[in-house]
Amino acid sequence: MASVTFTQPDGTARTLDVSAGTTLMRAAVSNGVDGIVGECGGQAMCATCHVYVRPQFAAALPEMGDDEEEMLDCTTAERTERSRLGCQITLGDELSGIVVDVPADQL
């Protein structure tokens, strides 16, 4: 199991325990987390699973691929140095306990 905490723009947080190998996007969508849409189903083609990863978890993240890099230029909410697509982050031992902030807008 791995845990992930989604923090909403109003500061409320929700922690989920999910199976290792689950993406942030799938964890959010499967558990009804507000603000994560996952419109393309995890194909890095829509940017509706955009999250802001807390800095203390940055070193454990996988390297950003070209598709993710391109889609982050299309986000509704501002792209920052903490921006990632939830569909490209797979939860496991190294990322268990990760905290991400959900943007105010996805669409």
N, C-alpha and C. Protein backbone atom coordinates (compact mmCIF):
# COMPACT_ATOMS: atom_id res chain seq x y z
N MET A 1 0.84 -1.18 0.00
CA MET A 1 0.00 0.00 0.00
C MET A 1 0.88 1.25 0.00
N ALA A 2 0.34 2.30 -0.57
CA ALA A 2 1.00 3.60 -0.59
C ALA A 2 -0.04 4.64 -0.23
N SER A 3 0.40 5.73 0.34
CA SER A 3 -0.55 6.79 0.68
C SER A 3 -0.21 8.05 -0.10
N VAL A 4 -1.26 8.81 -0.36
CA VAL A 4 -1.14 10.10 -1.04
C VAL A 4 -2.15 11.05 -0.41
N THR A 5 -1.72 12.29 -0.22
CA THR A 5 -2.61 13.31 0.32
C THR A 5 -2.83 14.36 -0.74
N PHE A 6 -4.10 14.62 -1.03
CA PHE A 6 -4.51 15.66 -1.97
C PHE A 6 -5.01 16.85 -1.15
N THR A 7 -4.40 18.00 -1.33
CA THR A 7 -4.81 19.20 -0.62
C THR A 7 -5.54 20.12 -1.58
N GLN A 8 -6.75 20.48 -1.22
CA GLN A 8 -7.59 21.33 -2.06
C GLN A 8 -7.18 22.80 -1.92
N PRO A 9 -7.58 23.64 -2.86
CA PRO A 9 -7.25 25.07 -2.78
C PRO A 9 -7.72 25.75 -1.48
N ASP A 10 -8.78 25.22 -0.86
CA ASP A 10 -9.26 25.82 0.40
C ASP A 10 -8.52 25.29 1.62
N GLY A 11 -7.53 24.40 1.41
CA GLY A 11 -6.72 23.88 2.50
C GLY A 11 -7.16 22.55 3.06
N THR A 12 -8.35 22.08 2.68
CA THR A 12 -8.78 20.77 3.18
C THR A 12 -7.93 19.68 2.50
N ALA A 13 -7.64 18.65 3.25
CA ALA A 13 -6.79 17.59 2.74
C ALA A 13 -7.49 16.24 2.89
N ARG A 14 -7.19 15.36 1.95
CA ARG A 14 -7.75 14.01 1.98
C ARG A 14 -6.62 13.04 1.68
N THR A 15 -6.39 12.10 2.60
CA THR A 15 -5.35 11.10 2.43
C THR A 15 -5.98 9.78 2.02
N LEU A 16 -5.39 9.16 1.00
CA LEU A 16 -5.86 7.89 0.48
C LEU A 16 -4.77 6.84 0.61
N ASP A 17 -5.15 5.63 0.93
CA ASP A 17 -4.25 4.48 0.88
C ASP A 17 -4.66 3.67 -0.33
N VAL A 18 -3.70 3.47 -1.24
CA VAL A 18 -3.98 2.77 -2.49
C VAL A 18 -2.90 1.72 -2.74
N SER A 19 -3.17 0.82 -3.63
CA SER A 19 -2.20 -0.22 -3.98
C SER A 19 -0.99 0.40 -4.67
N ALA A 20 0.18 -0.11 -4.34
CA ALA A 20 1.39 0.30 -5.05
C ALA A 20 1.18 0.04 -6.53
N GLY A 21 1.69 0.94 -7.38
CA GLY A 21 1.51 0.81 -8.81
C GLY A 21 0.36 1.64 -9.34
N THR A 22 -0.41 2.25 -8.45
CA THR A 22 -1.52 3.13 -8.84
C THR A 22 -0.98 4.52 -9.11
N THR A 23 -1.46 5.15 -10.17
CA THR A 23 -1.02 6.53 -10.44
C THR A 23 -1.80 7.50 -9.55
N LEU A 24 -1.24 8.68 -9.37
CA LEU A 24 -1.94 9.72 -8.62
C LEU A 24 -3.30 10.00 -9.24
N MET A 25 -3.34 10.08 -10.56
CA MET A 25 -4.60 10.38 -11.25
C MET A 25 -5.64 9.29 -10.98
N ARG A 26 -5.25 8.03 -11.12
CA ARG A 26 -6.18 6.93 -10.93
C ARG A 26 -6.65 6.88 -9.47
N ALA A 27 -5.75 7.13 -8.53
CA ALA A 27 -6.14 7.16 -7.11
C ALA A 27 -7.19 8.23 -6.87
N ALA A 28 -6.98 9.41 -7.45
CA ALA A 28 -7.92 10.52 -7.26
C ALA A 28 -9.27 10.24 -7.91
N VAL A 29 -9.25 9.83 -9.16
CA VAL A 29 -10.49 9.60 -9.89
C VAL A 29 -11.29 8.45 -9.27
N SER A 30 -10.62 7.38 -8.92
CA SER A 30 -11.29 6.21 -8.33
C SER A 30 -11.92 6.50 -6.97
N ASN A 31 -11.38 7.52 -6.30
CA ASN A 31 -11.87 7.85 -4.96
C ASN A 31 -12.62 9.18 -4.90
N GLY A 32 -12.97 9.73 -6.05
CA GLY A 32 -13.79 10.93 -6.10
C GLY A 32 -13.16 12.18 -5.53
N VAL A 33 -11.84 12.33 -5.72
CA VAL A 33 -11.17 13.54 -5.25
C VAL A 33 -11.57 14.71 -6.14
N ASP A 34 -12.12 15.75 -5.54
CA ASP A 34 -12.51 16.94 -6.30
C ASP A 34 -11.30 17.58 -6.97
N GLY A 35 -11.50 18.02 -8.21
CA GLY A 35 -10.48 18.77 -8.91
C GLY A 35 -9.55 17.97 -9.78
N ILE A 36 -9.63 16.65 -9.72
CA ILE A 36 -8.82 15.81 -10.60
C ILE A 36 -9.80 15.10 -11.54
N VAL A 37 -9.69 15.42 -12.83
CA VAL A 37 -10.66 14.93 -13.80
C VAL A 37 -10.16 13.68 -14.52
N GLY A 38 -8.93 13.71 -15.00
CA GLY A 38 -8.39 12.55 -15.72
C GLY A 38 -9.15 12.25 -16.98
N GLU A 39 -9.49 13.28 -17.71
CA GLU A 39 -10.34 13.16 -18.90
C GLU A 39 -9.81 12.19 -19.94
N CYS A 40 -8.50 12.11 -20.14
CA CYS A 40 -7.95 11.23 -21.18
C CYS A 40 -7.66 9.83 -20.67
N GLY A 41 -7.93 9.57 -19.40
CA GLY A 41 -7.74 8.23 -18.85
C GLY A 41 -6.30 7.88 -18.51
N GLY A 42 -5.44 8.87 -18.48
CA GLY A 42 -4.05 8.62 -18.09
C GLY A 42 -3.07 8.53 -19.24
N GLN A 43 -3.41 9.10 -20.36
CA GLN A 43 -2.55 9.04 -21.54
C GLN A 43 -1.66 10.27 -21.73
N ALA A 44 -1.62 11.16 -20.75
CA ALA A 44 -0.83 12.41 -20.84
C ALA A 44 -1.24 13.24 -22.04
N MET A 45 -2.57 13.32 -22.26
CA MET A 45 -3.07 14.04 -23.42
C MET A 45 -4.09 15.12 -23.09
N CYS A 46 -4.30 15.43 -21.80
CA CYS A 46 -5.34 16.42 -21.51
C CYS A 46 -4.98 17.40 -20.39
N ALA A 47 -4.07 17.06 -19.53
CA ALA A 47 -3.63 17.92 -18.42
C ALA A 47 -4.72 18.19 -17.39
N THR A 48 -5.75 17.33 -17.32
CA THR A 48 -6.80 17.53 -16.32
C THR A 48 -6.52 16.77 -15.03
N CYS A 49 -5.28 16.30 -14.89
CA CYS A 49 -4.82 15.69 -13.64
C CYS A 49 -3.61 16.45 -13.11
N HIS A 50 -3.50 17.70 -13.54
CA HIS A 50 -2.41 18.58 -13.12
C HIS A 50 -2.42 18.72 -11.60
N VAL A 51 -1.26 18.55 -10.98
CA VAL A 51 -1.10 18.75 -9.54
C VAL A 51 0.19 19.52 -9.29
N TYR A 52 0.28 20.08 -8.10
CA TYR A 52 1.50 20.73 -7.64
C TYR A 52 2.10 19.82 -6.57
N VAL A 53 3.25 19.24 -6.86
CA VAL A 53 3.91 18.33 -5.93
C VAL A 53 4.69 19.14 -4.90
N ARG A 54 4.53 18.83 -3.64
CA ARG A 54 5.26 19.52 -2.58
C ARG A 54 6.76 19.30 -2.78
N PRO A 55 7.56 20.33 -2.54
CA PRO A 55 9.00 20.29 -2.83
C PRO A 55 9.76 19.12 -2.20
N GLN A 56 9.38 18.70 -1.01
CA GLN A 56 10.13 17.63 -0.35
C GLN A 56 10.01 16.28 -1.06
N PHE A 57 9.11 16.16 -2.03
CA PHE A 57 8.95 14.91 -2.77
C PHE A 57 9.55 14.98 -4.18
N ALA A 58 10.06 16.12 -4.57
CA ALA A 58 10.55 16.32 -5.93
C ALA A 58 11.66 15.35 -6.32
N ALA A 59 12.58 15.08 -5.43
CA ALA A 59 13.71 14.21 -5.76
C ALA A 59 13.29 12.76 -6.02
N ALA A 60 12.16 12.35 -5.48
CA ALA A 60 11.69 10.97 -5.66
C ALA A 60 10.85 10.78 -6.92
N LEU A 61 10.53 11.86 -7.61
CA LEU A 61 9.68 11.78 -8.80
C LEU A 61 10.45 11.23 -10.00
N PRO A 62 9.75 10.54 -10.88
CA PRO A 62 10.40 10.11 -12.12
C PRO A 62 10.69 11.34 -12.99
N GLU A 63 11.65 11.19 -13.87
CA GLU A 63 11.97 12.27 -14.79
C GLU A 63 10.76 12.57 -15.68
N MET A 64 10.56 13.83 -15.99
CA MET A 64 9.44 14.23 -16.83
C MET A 64 9.73 13.89 -18.29
N GLY A 65 8.77 13.22 -18.91
CA GLY A 65 8.90 12.89 -20.33
C GLY A 65 8.44 14.04 -21.23
N ASP A 66 8.72 13.90 -22.51
CA ASP A 66 8.36 14.94 -23.48
C ASP A 66 6.87 15.19 -23.54
N ASP A 67 6.05 14.13 -23.50
CA ASP A 67 4.59 14.29 -23.56
C ASP A 67 4.08 15.08 -22.36
N GLU A 68 4.58 14.74 -21.18
CA GLU A 68 4.16 15.46 -19.98
C GLU A 68 4.60 16.91 -20.05
N GLU A 69 5.82 17.13 -20.45
CA GLU A 69 6.35 18.50 -20.59
C GLU A 69 5.46 19.34 -21.50
N GLU A 70 5.07 18.77 -22.63
CA GLU A 70 4.23 19.48 -23.59
C GLU A 70 2.84 19.76 -23.02
N MET A 71 2.24 18.76 -22.37
CA MET A 71 0.89 18.94 -21.83
C MET A 71 0.86 19.95 -20.70
N LEU A 72 1.91 20.05 -19.93
CA LEU A 72 1.93 21.03 -18.84
C LEU A 72 1.91 22.46 -19.36
N ASP A 73 2.25 22.65 -20.62
CA ASP A 73 2.13 23.98 -21.23
C ASP A 73 0.68 24.31 -21.56
N CYS A 74 -0.23 23.32 -21.41
CA CYS A 74 -1.63 23.50 -21.76
C CYS A 74 -2.56 23.49 -20.55
N THR A 75 -2.03 23.60 -19.36
CA THR A 75 -2.87 23.55 -18.17
C THR A 75 -3.70 24.81 -18.03
N THR A 76 -4.86 24.66 -17.42
CA THR A 76 -5.72 25.80 -17.16
C THR A 76 -5.15 26.65 -16.03
N ALA A 77 -4.72 25.96 -14.96
CA ALA A 77 -4.10 26.66 -13.83
C ALA A 77 -2.64 26.94 -14.18
N GLU A 78 -2.08 27.91 -13.52
CA GLU A 78 -0.70 28.30 -13.78
C GLU A 78 0.27 27.13 -13.62
N ARG A 79 1.16 26.99 -14.58
CA ARG A 79 2.23 26.01 -14.47
C ARG A 79 3.35 26.60 -13.62
N THR A 80 3.83 25.80 -12.68
CA THR A 80 4.95 26.24 -11.84
C THR A 80 6.03 25.16 -11.86
N GLU A 81 7.11 25.39 -11.15
CA GLU A 81 8.18 24.40 -11.06
C GLU A 81 7.73 23.13 -10.32
N ARG A 82 6.61 23.20 -9.63
CA ARG A 82 6.06 22.05 -8.91
C ARG A 82 5.01 21.30 -9.71
N SER A 83 4.69 21.76 -10.92
CA SER A 83 3.63 21.16 -11.73
C SER A 83 4.05 19.80 -12.28
N ARG A 84 3.13 18.85 -12.16
CA ARG A 84 3.28 17.53 -12.77
C ARG A 84 1.89 17.03 -13.15
N LEU A 85 1.85 16.04 -14.03
CA LEU A 85 0.61 15.36 -14.36
C LEU A 85 0.49 14.15 -13.45
N GLY A 86 -0.64 14.04 -12.78
CA GLY A 86 -0.86 12.92 -11.87
C GLY A 86 -0.82 11.57 -12.55
N CYS A 87 -1.15 11.52 -13.84
CA CYS A 87 -1.14 10.25 -14.56
C CYS A 87 0.27 9.74 -14.81
N GLN A 88 1.25 10.57 -14.62
CA GLN A 88 2.64 10.19 -14.87
C GLN A 88 3.41 9.87 -13.60
N ILE A 89 2.73 9.90 -12.47
CA ILE A 89 3.38 9.62 -11.18
C ILE A 89 2.75 8.36 -10.60
N THR A 90 3.55 7.31 -10.51
CA THR A 90 3.09 6.04 -9.98
C THR A 90 3.51 5.90 -8.53
N LEU A 91 2.54 5.58 -7.70
CA LEU A 91 2.81 5.45 -6.27
C LEU A 91 3.48 4.13 -5.93
N GLY A 92 4.40 4.20 -5.01
CA GLY A 92 5.12 3.02 -4.53
C GLY A 92 5.85 3.40 -3.25
N ASP A 93 6.76 2.56 -2.82
CA ASP A 93 7.48 2.79 -1.57
C ASP A 93 8.16 4.16 -1.51
N GLU A 94 8.84 4.55 -2.58
CA GLU A 94 9.58 5.81 -2.58
C GLU A 94 8.67 7.03 -2.48
N LEU A 95 7.46 6.92 -2.98
CA LEU A 95 6.54 8.06 -2.99
C LEU A 95 5.41 7.93 -1.98
N SER A 96 5.39 6.87 -1.20
CA SER A 96 4.33 6.73 -0.21
C SER A 96 4.40 7.90 0.77
N GLY A 97 3.28 8.52 0.99
CA GLY A 97 3.21 9.70 1.86
C GLY A 97 3.28 11.01 1.10
N ILE A 98 3.36 10.94 -0.23
CA ILE A 98 3.45 12.16 -1.04
C ILE A 98 2.24 13.07 -0.79
N VAL A 99 2.51 14.36 -0.83
CA VAL A 99 1.45 15.37 -0.67
C VAL A 99 1.45 16.23 -1.92
N VAL A 100 0.28 16.40 -2.52
CA VAL A 100 0.14 17.24 -3.69
C VAL A 100 -0.98 18.24 -3.48
N ASP A 101 -0.83 19.37 -4.12
CA ASP A 101 -1.87 20.41 -4.07
C ASP A 101 -2.64 20.37 -5.39
N VAL A 102 -3.95 20.41 -5.27
CA VAL A 102 -4.84 20.39 -6.44
C VAL A 102 -5.06 21.83 -6.89
N PRO A 103 -4.85 22.12 -8.18
CA PRO A 103 -5.09 23.48 -8.68
C PRO A 103 -6.56 23.87 -8.54
N ALA A 104 -6.80 25.16 -8.53
CA ALA A 104 -8.18 25.67 -8.42
C ALA A 104 -9.00 25.34 -9.67
N ASP A 105 -8.34 25.25 -10.82
CA ASP A 105 -9.04 24.99 -12.08
C ASP A 105 -8.32 23.91 -12.87
N GLN A 106 -9.09 23.04 -13.53
CA GLN A 106 -8.53 22.03 -14.41
C GLN A 106 -9.09 22.17 -15.83
N LEU A 107 -10.28 22.70 -15.95
CA LEU A 107 -10.93 22.79 -17.26
C LEU A 107 -11.13 24.23 -17.68
